[in-house]
């Protein structure tokens, strides 16, 4: 995989995905402590990423998922915002993560922080972890000179759209 190349699974879906944007505000959600995600955690985070989806939805193999996470840490999807790239753990392993860049490289995305990925282990969904992670990103962005956050969502992903709209995200 070359640095800077969009993920094949995203490239094929980009025309079908919708960009959502929220004005950043300081919000707080209860939940476990969040940990800064760093490059040395890429293997564990890639394993989580792979486990979050049915095989082939995001990547065909765990190795591809790990490589994609490494690519994100290497700036392949824009300059990573380390303070807004976080994960939550349970039983000593990552169970939810958010990856945020200062600005996405795609021309149809706004000039603001961009969530390049958010995923929660299937066993930990509907427990507020995604809200906790996105709330932290929104709070961090509220203190910047570009107090908005954007992300992409598949219009068929109703649970994600409900979450994002509850947090103030609207189609761009």
N, C-alpha and C. Protein backbone atom coordinates (compact mmCIF):
# COMPACT_ATOMS: atom_id res chain seq x y z
N UNK A 1 0.83 -1.17 0.00
CA UNK A 1 0.00 0.00 0.00
C UNK A 1 0.88 1.25 0.00
N UNK A 2 0.63 2.15 -0.88
CA UNK A 2 1.41 3.39 -0.92
C UNK A 2 0.77 4.44 -0.03
N UNK A 3 1.62 5.19 0.64
CA UNK A 3 1.11 6.27 1.48
C UNK A 3 0.36 7.28 0.62
N UNK A 4 -0.75 7.75 1.14
CA UNK A 4 -1.52 8.76 0.45
C UNK A 4 -2.62 8.22 -0.43
N UNK A 5 -2.62 6.91 -0.70
CA UNK A 5 -3.68 6.33 -1.50
C UNK A 5 -4.93 6.18 -0.65
N UNK A 6 -6.09 6.55 -1.17
CA UNK A 6 -7.31 6.32 -0.41
C UNK A 6 -7.54 4.82 -0.25
N UNK A 7 -8.20 4.45 0.80
CA UNK A 7 -8.53 3.05 1.02
C UNK A 7 -9.41 2.55 -0.11
N UNK A 8 -9.11 1.38 -0.66
CA UNK A 8 -9.94 0.88 -1.76
C UNK A 8 -11.41 0.76 -1.39
N UNK A 9 -11.71 0.29 -0.18
CA UNK A 9 -13.12 0.15 0.18
C UNK A 9 -13.79 1.51 0.30
N UNK A 10 -13.07 2.55 0.68
CA UNK A 10 -13.66 3.89 0.74
C UNK A 10 -13.77 4.50 -0.64
N UNK A 11 -12.76 4.29 -1.46
CA UNK A 11 -12.76 4.88 -2.79
C UNK A 11 -13.99 4.43 -3.57
N UNK A 12 -14.33 3.16 -3.47
CA UNK A 12 -15.47 2.66 -4.22
C UNK A 12 -16.78 3.19 -3.66
N UNK A 13 -16.81 3.56 -2.38
CA UNK A 13 -18.04 4.02 -1.76
C UNK A 13 -18.14 5.54 -1.68
N UNK A 14 -17.06 6.28 -1.96
CA UNK A 14 -17.08 7.72 -1.76
C UNK A 14 -18.26 8.41 -2.42
N UNK A 15 -18.61 8.08 -3.67
CA UNK A 15 -19.76 8.76 -4.27
C UNK A 15 -21.05 8.47 -3.51
N UNK A 16 -21.10 7.35 -2.79
CA UNK A 16 -22.30 6.97 -2.07
C UNK A 16 -22.32 7.51 -0.65
N UNK A 17 -21.20 8.03 -0.18
CA UNK A 17 -21.09 8.51 1.19
C UNK A 17 -21.48 9.98 1.26
N UNK A 18 -21.98 10.38 2.41
CA UNK A 18 -22.39 11.76 2.63
C UNK A 18 -21.49 12.39 3.69
N UNK A 19 -21.05 13.60 3.43
CA UNK A 19 -20.25 14.34 4.41
C UNK A 19 -21.21 15.04 5.36
N UNK A 20 -20.97 14.87 6.65
CA UNK A 20 -21.73 15.55 7.70
C UNK A 20 -20.78 16.48 8.44
N UNK A 21 -21.29 17.61 8.91
CA UNK A 21 -20.47 18.60 9.63
C UNK A 21 -21.23 19.02 10.89
N UNK A 22 -20.48 19.25 11.97
CA UNK A 22 -21.06 19.77 13.21
C UNK A 22 -20.25 20.95 13.69
N UNK A 23 -20.94 21.95 14.23
CA UNK A 23 -20.26 23.03 14.93
C UNK A 23 -19.74 22.43 16.23
N UNK A 24 -18.49 22.66 16.52
CA UNK A 24 -17.88 22.06 17.70
C UNK A 24 -18.30 22.79 18.96
N UNK A 25 -18.69 22.04 19.95
CA UNK A 25 -19.03 22.57 21.27
C UNK A 25 -18.40 21.68 22.32
N UNK A 26 -18.21 22.22 23.47
CA UNK A 26 -17.67 21.43 24.57
C UNK A 26 -18.79 20.57 25.14
N UNK A 27 -18.65 19.28 24.97
CA UNK A 27 -19.64 18.32 25.47
C UNK A 27 -18.89 17.22 26.20
N UNK A 28 -19.59 16.58 27.08
CA UNK A 28 -18.97 15.51 27.85
C UNK A 28 -19.96 14.36 28.00
N UNK A 29 -19.50 13.17 27.79
CA UNK A 29 -20.32 11.98 27.96
C UNK A 29 -19.63 11.06 28.95
N UNK A 30 -20.41 10.39 29.79
CA UNK A 30 -19.80 9.47 30.73
C UNK A 30 -19.21 8.27 30.00
N UNK A 31 -18.27 7.64 30.64
CA UNK A 31 -17.69 6.45 30.05
C UNK A 31 -16.29 6.23 30.57
N UNK A 32 -15.65 5.24 30.02
CA UNK A 32 -14.31 4.91 30.49
C UNK A 32 -13.31 5.98 30.08
N UNK A 33 -12.15 6.00 30.73
CA UNK A 33 -11.11 6.95 30.31
C UNK A 33 -10.72 6.67 28.86
N UNK A 34 -10.33 7.73 28.18
CA UNK A 34 -9.87 7.60 26.79
C UNK A 34 -8.36 7.71 26.78
N UNK A 35 -7.74 6.97 25.86
CA UNK A 35 -6.29 6.93 25.71
C UNK A 35 -5.92 7.48 24.35
N UNK A 36 -4.84 8.27 24.29
CA UNK A 36 -4.36 8.74 22.99
C UNK A 36 -3.88 7.54 22.18
N UNK A 37 -4.35 7.45 20.96
CA UNK A 37 -3.92 6.38 20.06
C UNK A 37 -2.61 6.81 19.40
N UNK A 38 -1.62 5.96 19.46
CA UNK A 38 -0.31 6.27 18.87
C UNK A 38 0.11 5.14 17.94
N UNK A 39 1.08 5.45 17.10
CA UNK A 39 1.56 4.47 16.11
C UNK A 39 1.95 3.13 16.73
N UNK A 40 2.60 3.09 17.91
CA UNK A 40 2.91 1.77 18.47
C UNK A 40 1.68 0.91 18.79
N UNK A 41 0.50 1.54 18.87
CA UNK A 41 -0.73 0.79 19.12
C UNK A 41 -1.39 0.30 17.83
N UNK A 42 -0.78 0.55 16.68
CA UNK A 42 -1.42 0.27 15.39
C UNK A 42 -1.87 -1.17 15.24
N UNK A 43 -1.08 -2.11 15.72
CA UNK A 43 -1.47 -3.52 15.55
C UNK A 43 -2.74 -3.82 16.34
N UNK A 44 -2.78 -3.41 17.61
CA UNK A 44 -3.98 -3.66 18.42
C UNK A 44 -5.20 -2.92 17.87
N UNK A 45 -4.99 -1.69 17.41
CA UNK A 45 -6.09 -0.92 16.85
C UNK A 45 -6.55 -1.49 15.51
N UNK A 46 -5.61 -2.00 14.73
CA UNK A 46 -5.98 -2.64 13.47
C UNK A 46 -6.77 -3.92 13.70
N UNK A 47 -6.43 -4.66 14.73
CA UNK A 47 -7.20 -5.86 15.08
C UNK A 47 -8.63 -5.48 15.45
N UNK A 48 -8.77 -4.41 16.26
CA UNK A 48 -10.10 -3.92 16.61
C UNK A 48 -10.86 -3.53 15.34
N UNK A 49 -10.22 -2.77 14.49
CA UNK A 49 -10.84 -2.31 13.24
C UNK A 49 -11.38 -3.49 12.44
N UNK A 50 -10.56 -4.51 12.29
CA UNK A 50 -10.96 -5.68 11.52
C UNK A 50 -12.14 -6.39 12.19
N UNK A 51 -12.12 -6.50 13.51
CA UNK A 51 -13.17 -7.21 14.25
C UNK A 51 -14.50 -6.47 14.23
N UNK A 52 -14.48 -5.18 13.97
CA UNK A 52 -15.70 -4.38 14.02
C UNK A 52 -16.64 -4.61 12.85
N UNK A 53 -16.16 -5.20 11.80
CA UNK A 53 -16.95 -5.35 10.58
C UNK A 53 -16.96 -6.80 10.13
N UNK A 54 -17.96 -7.14 9.36
CA UNK A 54 -17.97 -8.45 8.72
C UNK A 54 -16.77 -8.51 7.77
N UNK A 55 -16.15 -9.68 7.63
CA UNK A 55 -15.00 -9.78 6.72
C UNK A 55 -15.35 -9.26 5.32
N UNK A 56 -14.45 -8.43 4.79
CA UNK A 56 -14.64 -7.89 3.45
C UNK A 56 -15.35 -6.55 3.42
N UNK A 57 -16.04 -6.17 4.50
CA UNK A 57 -16.74 -4.88 4.52
C UNK A 57 -15.72 -3.75 4.57
N UNK A 58 -14.78 -3.84 5.49
CA UNK A 58 -13.72 -2.83 5.55
C UNK A 58 -12.48 -3.38 4.86
N UNK A 59 -12.01 -4.52 5.31
CA UNK A 59 -10.84 -5.17 4.72
C UNK A 59 -11.05 -6.67 4.69
N UNK A 60 -10.39 -7.34 3.76
CA UNK A 60 -10.53 -8.79 3.64
C UNK A 60 -9.74 -9.53 4.72
N UNK A 61 -8.65 -8.91 5.19
CA UNK A 61 -7.81 -9.59 6.17
C UNK A 61 -7.44 -8.63 7.31
N UNK A 62 -7.09 -9.22 8.43
CA UNK A 62 -6.63 -8.43 9.56
C UNK A 62 -5.35 -7.67 9.22
N UNK A 63 -4.47 -8.29 8.46
CA UNK A 63 -3.22 -7.63 8.07
C UNK A 63 -3.50 -6.35 7.27
N UNK A 64 -4.50 -6.38 6.39
CA UNK A 64 -4.86 -5.18 5.62
C UNK A 64 -5.41 -4.09 6.54
N UNK A 65 -6.21 -4.49 7.54
CA UNK A 65 -6.76 -3.51 8.48
C UNK A 65 -5.64 -2.86 9.29
N UNK A 66 -4.68 -3.65 9.73
CA UNK A 66 -3.54 -3.12 10.48
C UNK A 66 -2.73 -2.17 9.60
N UNK A 67 -2.51 -2.55 8.35
CA UNK A 67 -1.77 -1.68 7.42
C UNK A 67 -2.50 -0.37 7.21
N UNK A 68 -3.83 -0.41 7.16
CA UNK A 68 -4.60 0.81 6.97
C UNK A 68 -4.48 1.74 8.18
N UNK A 69 -4.52 1.17 9.37
CA UNK A 69 -4.35 1.99 10.57
C UNK A 69 -2.95 2.61 10.57
N UNK A 70 -1.95 1.84 10.20
CA UNK A 70 -0.59 2.39 10.12
C UNK A 70 -0.52 3.52 9.10
N UNK A 71 -1.19 3.36 7.98
CA UNK A 71 -1.22 4.40 6.96
C UNK A 71 -1.81 5.69 7.52
N UNK A 72 -2.86 5.56 8.32
CA UNK A 72 -3.44 6.74 8.96
C UNK A 72 -2.45 7.43 9.88
N UNK A 73 -1.71 6.66 10.66
CA UNK A 73 -0.71 7.26 11.55
C UNK A 73 0.43 7.89 10.75
N UNK A 74 0.68 7.39 9.55
CA UNK A 74 1.73 7.95 8.70
C UNK A 74 1.27 9.15 7.88
N UNK A 75 0.03 9.59 8.05
CA UNK A 75 -0.47 10.76 7.34
C UNK A 75 -1.11 10.46 6.01
N UNK A 76 -1.40 9.21 5.72
CA UNK A 76 -1.98 8.83 4.44
C UNK A 76 -3.37 9.38 4.18
N UNK A 77 -4.05 9.85 5.22
CA UNK A 77 -5.40 10.41 5.06
C UNK A 77 -5.45 11.85 5.54
N UNK A 78 -4.29 12.49 5.52
CA UNK A 78 -4.19 13.85 6.00
C UNK A 78 -3.38 13.88 7.28
N UNK A 79 -3.01 15.08 7.73
CA UNK A 79 -2.19 15.20 8.94
C UNK A 79 -3.00 14.79 10.18
N UNK A 80 -2.59 13.70 10.80
CA UNK A 80 -3.28 13.17 11.96
C UNK A 80 -3.30 14.19 13.09
N UNK A 81 -4.42 14.32 13.76
CA UNK A 81 -4.54 15.16 14.93
C UNK A 81 -4.39 14.24 16.14
N UNK A 82 -3.19 14.14 16.70
CA UNK A 82 -2.93 13.15 17.75
C UNK A 82 -3.84 13.28 18.97
N UNK A 83 -4.12 14.50 19.40
CA UNK A 83 -4.95 14.69 20.59
C UNK A 83 -6.40 14.24 20.38
N UNK A 84 -6.83 14.16 19.13
CA UNK A 84 -8.20 13.76 18.80
C UNK A 84 -8.25 12.39 18.15
N UNK A 85 -7.21 11.61 18.35
CA UNK A 85 -7.15 10.23 17.87
C UNK A 85 -7.04 9.38 19.13
N UNK A 86 -8.16 8.76 19.49
CA UNK A 86 -8.32 8.19 20.82
C UNK A 86 -8.93 6.80 20.77
N UNK A 87 -8.76 6.07 21.87
CA UNK A 87 -9.45 4.79 21.98
C UNK A 87 -9.86 4.54 23.43
N UNK A 88 -10.84 3.65 23.58
CA UNK A 88 -11.30 3.21 24.89
C UNK A 88 -10.95 1.73 25.02
N UNK A 89 -10.63 1.33 26.23
CA UNK A 89 -10.26 -0.06 26.49
C UNK A 89 -11.24 -0.71 27.46
N UNK A 90 -11.33 -2.01 27.37
CA UNK A 90 -12.03 -2.84 28.34
C UNK A 90 -11.26 -4.16 28.42
N UNK A 91 -11.06 -4.62 29.60
CA UNK A 91 -10.33 -5.88 29.81
C UNK A 91 -8.96 -5.88 29.12
N UNK A 92 -8.31 -4.70 29.11
CA UNK A 92 -6.95 -4.61 28.58
C UNK A 92 -6.83 -4.58 27.08
N UNK A 93 -7.95 -4.41 26.38
CA UNK A 93 -7.86 -4.33 24.91
C UNK A 93 -8.74 -3.21 24.38
N UNK A 94 -8.35 -2.62 23.25
CA UNK A 94 -9.17 -1.55 22.66
C UNK A 94 -10.54 -2.09 22.25
N UNK A 95 -11.58 -1.30 22.53
CA UNK A 95 -12.93 -1.70 22.15
C UNK A 95 -13.64 -0.64 21.32
N UNK A 96 -13.05 0.55 21.23
CA UNK A 96 -13.62 1.63 20.41
C UNK A 96 -12.50 2.62 20.11
N UNK A 97 -12.55 3.21 18.91
CA UNK A 97 -11.50 4.15 18.53
C UNK A 97 -12.05 5.19 17.55
N UNK A 98 -11.44 6.37 17.61
CA UNK A 98 -11.73 7.44 16.65
C UNK A 98 -10.38 7.96 16.15
N UNK A 99 -10.30 8.21 14.85
CA UNK A 99 -9.10 8.73 14.20
C UNK A 99 -9.48 10.04 13.53
N UNK A 100 -8.77 11.10 13.87
CA UNK A 100 -9.12 12.43 13.37
C UNK A 100 -7.90 13.07 12.73
N UNK A 101 -8.11 13.71 11.59
CA UNK A 101 -7.06 14.47 10.93
C UNK A 101 -7.40 15.96 11.02
N UNK A 102 -6.38 16.79 10.91
CA UNK A 102 -6.61 18.24 10.93
C UNK A 102 -7.42 18.68 9.71
N UNK A 103 -7.19 18.01 8.58
CA UNK A 103 -7.90 18.33 7.33
C UNK A 103 -7.81 17.12 6.43
N UNK A 104 -8.95 16.66 5.94
CA UNK A 104 -8.98 15.51 5.04
C UNK A 104 -8.43 15.91 3.66
N UNK A 105 -7.84 14.97 2.94
CA UNK A 105 -7.25 15.30 1.64
C UNK A 105 -8.24 15.33 0.48
N UNK A 106 -9.49 14.95 0.71
CA UNK A 106 -10.44 14.84 -0.39
C UNK A 106 -11.05 16.20 -0.70
N UNK A 107 -11.22 16.53 -1.97
CA UNK A 107 -11.69 17.87 -2.35
C UNK A 107 -13.12 18.20 -1.92
N UNK A 108 -13.93 17.19 -1.63
CA UNK A 108 -15.32 17.47 -1.25
C UNK A 108 -15.51 17.61 0.26
N UNK A 109 -14.40 17.66 1.01
CA UNK A 109 -14.52 17.78 2.46
C UNK A 109 -14.19 19.20 2.90
N UNK A 110 -14.86 19.67 3.96
CA UNK A 110 -14.62 21.05 4.42
C UNK A 110 -13.25 21.20 5.09
N UNK A 111 -12.82 22.43 5.18
CA UNK A 111 -11.54 22.76 5.80
C UNK A 111 -11.71 22.82 7.32
N UNK A 112 -11.72 21.65 7.93
CA UNK A 112 -11.86 21.55 9.37
C UNK A 112 -11.41 20.15 9.79
N UNK A 113 -11.28 19.91 11.08
CA UNK A 113 -10.94 18.56 11.51
C UNK A 113 -11.94 17.55 10.94
N UNK A 114 -11.42 16.37 10.61
CA UNK A 114 -12.23 15.36 9.93
C UNK A 114 -12.00 14.01 10.59
N UNK A 115 -13.08 13.36 10.98
CA UNK A 115 -13.01 12.02 11.55
C UNK A 115 -12.87 11.04 10.39
N UNK A 116 -11.69 10.46 10.25
CA UNK A 116 -11.49 9.53 9.14
C UNK A 116 -12.03 8.15 9.46
N UNK A 117 -12.18 7.83 10.75
CA UNK A 117 -12.79 6.56 11.11
C UNK A 117 -13.22 6.57 12.55
N UNK A 118 -14.31 5.90 12.81
CA UNK A 118 -14.84 5.67 14.14
C UNK A 118 -15.37 4.25 14.14
N UNK A 119 -14.90 3.44 15.05
CA UNK A 119 -15.44 2.08 15.12
C UNK A 119 -15.48 1.60 16.56
N UNK A 120 -16.50 0.78 16.80
CA UNK A 120 -16.74 0.22 18.13
C UNK A 120 -16.93 -1.28 17.98
N UNK A 121 -16.27 -2.03 18.83
CA UNK A 121 -16.42 -3.48 18.84
C UNK A 121 -17.90 -3.85 18.91
N UNK A 122 -18.29 -4.86 18.17
CA UNK A 122 -19.70 -5.25 18.15
C UNK A 122 -20.22 -5.56 19.56
N UNK A 123 -19.38 -6.13 20.40
CA UNK A 123 -19.79 -6.49 21.76
C UNK A 123 -19.97 -5.27 22.66
N UNK A 124 -19.49 -4.10 22.25
CA UNK A 124 -19.55 -2.90 23.08
C UNK A 124 -20.40 -1.80 22.47
N UNK A 125 -21.13 -2.10 21.43
CA UNK A 125 -21.98 -1.10 20.81
C UNK A 125 -23.18 -0.77 21.70
N UNK A 126 -23.73 0.42 21.48
CA UNK A 126 -24.90 0.91 22.21
C UNK A 126 -24.63 1.08 23.71
N UNK A 127 -23.37 1.37 24.03
CA UNK A 127 -23.00 1.63 25.42
C UNK A 127 -22.44 3.05 25.59
N UNK A 128 -22.58 3.87 24.55
CA UNK A 128 -22.16 5.26 24.65
C UNK A 128 -20.71 5.53 24.29
N UNK A 129 -19.98 4.52 23.83
CA UNK A 129 -18.56 4.73 23.52
C UNK A 129 -18.36 5.66 22.32
N UNK A 130 -19.17 5.50 21.28
CA UNK A 130 -19.03 6.38 20.11
C UNK A 130 -19.35 7.82 20.50
N UNK A 131 -20.38 8.01 21.31
CA UNK A 131 -20.71 9.37 21.79
C UNK A 131 -19.57 9.93 22.62
N UNK A 132 -19.00 9.11 23.47
CA UNK A 132 -17.88 9.55 24.31
C UNK A 132 -16.70 9.99 23.44
N UNK A 133 -16.36 9.18 22.45
CA UNK A 133 -15.23 9.52 21.57
C UNK A 133 -15.51 10.77 20.75
N UNK A 134 -16.67 10.84 20.10
CA UNK A 134 -17.00 12.01 19.29
C UNK A 134 -17.17 13.25 20.15
N UNK A 135 -17.71 13.09 21.35
CA UNK A 135 -17.83 14.23 22.26
C UNK A 135 -16.48 14.82 22.59
N UNK A 136 -15.49 13.97 22.78
CA UNK A 136 -14.14 14.46 23.06
C UNK A 136 -13.56 15.19 21.85
N UNK A 137 -13.77 14.65 20.65
CA UNK A 137 -13.29 15.32 19.43
C UNK A 137 -13.97 16.68 19.28
N UNK A 138 -15.28 16.74 19.48
CA UNK A 138 -16.00 18.01 19.37
C UNK A 138 -15.50 19.02 20.41
N UNK A 139 -15.24 18.55 21.62
CA UNK A 139 -14.74 19.45 22.67
C UNK A 139 -13.36 19.99 22.32
N UNK A 140 -12.50 19.14 21.80
CA UNK A 140 -11.17 19.58 21.40
C UNK A 140 -11.26 20.60 20.25
N UNK A 141 -12.10 20.32 19.28
CA UNK A 141 -12.24 21.22 18.13
C UNK A 141 -12.83 22.57 18.54
N UNK A 142 -13.65 22.58 19.59
CA UNK A 142 -14.26 23.84 20.04
C UNK A 142 -13.19 24.84 20.47
N UNK A 143 -12.03 24.35 20.86
CA UNK A 143 -10.96 25.24 21.29
C UNK A 143 -9.98 25.61 20.20
N UNK A 144 -10.35 25.37 18.95
CA UNK A 144 -9.45 25.67 17.83
C UNK A 144 -9.98 26.85 17.01
N UNK A 145 -9.19 27.28 16.04
CA UNK A 145 -9.63 28.37 15.16
C UNK A 145 -10.56 27.86 14.05
N UNK A 146 -10.80 26.57 13.98
CA UNK A 146 -11.75 25.98 13.02
C UNK A 146 -12.70 25.08 13.81
N UNK A 147 -13.63 25.67 14.55
CA UNK A 147 -14.46 24.90 15.48
C UNK A 147 -15.61 24.14 14.82
N UNK A 148 -15.25 23.28 13.90
CA UNK A 148 -16.20 22.37 13.27
C UNK A 148 -15.53 21.03 13.16
N UNK A 149 -16.31 19.99 12.99
CA UNK A 149 -15.80 18.64 12.76
C UNK A 149 -16.65 18.03 11.65
N UNK A 150 -16.00 17.33 10.74
CA UNK A 150 -16.72 16.67 9.65
C UNK A 150 -16.39 15.18 9.66
N UNK A 151 -17.24 14.43 8.97
CA UNK A 151 -17.03 12.99 8.80
C UNK A 151 -17.86 12.53 7.61
N UNK A 152 -17.64 11.30 7.20
CA UNK A 152 -18.44 10.71 6.12
C UNK A 152 -19.28 9.59 6.70
N UNK A 153 -20.45 9.41 6.13
CA UNK A 153 -21.31 8.31 6.57
C UNK A 153 -22.05 7.76 5.36
N UNK A 154 -22.23 6.47 5.38
CA UNK A 154 -23.03 5.79 4.37
C UNK A 154 -24.49 6.13 4.65
N UNK A 155 -25.22 6.68 3.68
CA UNK A 155 -26.61 7.07 3.94
C UNK A 155 -27.51 5.91 4.38
N UNK A 156 -27.08 4.68 4.15
CA UNK A 156 -27.85 3.51 4.57
C UNK A 156 -27.56 3.11 6.02
N UNK A 157 -26.56 3.74 6.64
CA UNK A 157 -26.18 3.40 8.01
C UNK A 157 -27.02 4.23 8.99
N UNK A 158 -28.27 3.82 9.17
CA UNK A 158 -29.20 4.58 9.99
C UNK A 158 -28.75 4.75 11.44
N UNK A 159 -28.21 3.71 12.10
CA UNK A 159 -27.75 3.92 13.47
C UNK A 159 -26.68 5.01 13.58
N UNK A 160 -25.75 5.03 12.63
CA UNK A 160 -24.70 6.06 12.65
C UNK A 160 -25.30 7.44 12.41
N UNK A 161 -26.21 7.56 11.47
CA UNK A 161 -26.83 8.85 11.18
C UNK A 161 -27.61 9.36 12.40
N UNK A 162 -28.30 8.47 13.09
CA UNK A 162 -29.02 8.88 14.31
C UNK A 162 -28.05 9.39 15.36
N UNK A 163 -26.94 8.70 15.53
CA UNK A 163 -25.92 9.15 16.49
C UNK A 163 -25.38 10.51 16.09
N UNK A 164 -24.97 10.64 14.84
CA UNK A 164 -24.34 11.88 14.39
C UNK A 164 -25.31 13.06 14.49
N UNK A 165 -26.55 12.87 14.08
CA UNK A 165 -27.50 13.99 14.16
C UNK A 165 -27.79 14.35 15.63
N UNK A 166 -27.83 13.36 16.51
CA UNK A 166 -28.01 13.65 17.94
C UNK A 166 -26.86 14.49 18.50
N UNK A 167 -25.69 14.36 17.90
CA UNK A 167 -24.52 15.12 18.33
C UNK A 167 -24.37 16.45 17.59
N UNK A 168 -25.32 16.78 16.71
CA UNK A 168 -25.29 18.06 16.03
C UNK A 168 -24.75 18.03 14.61
N UNK A 169 -24.41 16.86 14.10
CA UNK A 169 -23.91 16.76 12.72
C UNK A 169 -25.09 16.88 11.76
N UNK A 170 -24.83 17.57 10.64
CA UNK A 170 -25.82 17.75 9.58
C UNK A 170 -25.12 17.54 8.23
N UNK A 171 -25.87 17.12 7.21
CA UNK A 171 -25.24 16.98 5.89
C UNK A 171 -24.61 18.29 5.46
N UNK A 172 -23.42 18.19 4.88
CA UNK A 172 -22.68 19.40 4.46
C UNK A 172 -23.33 20.02 3.23
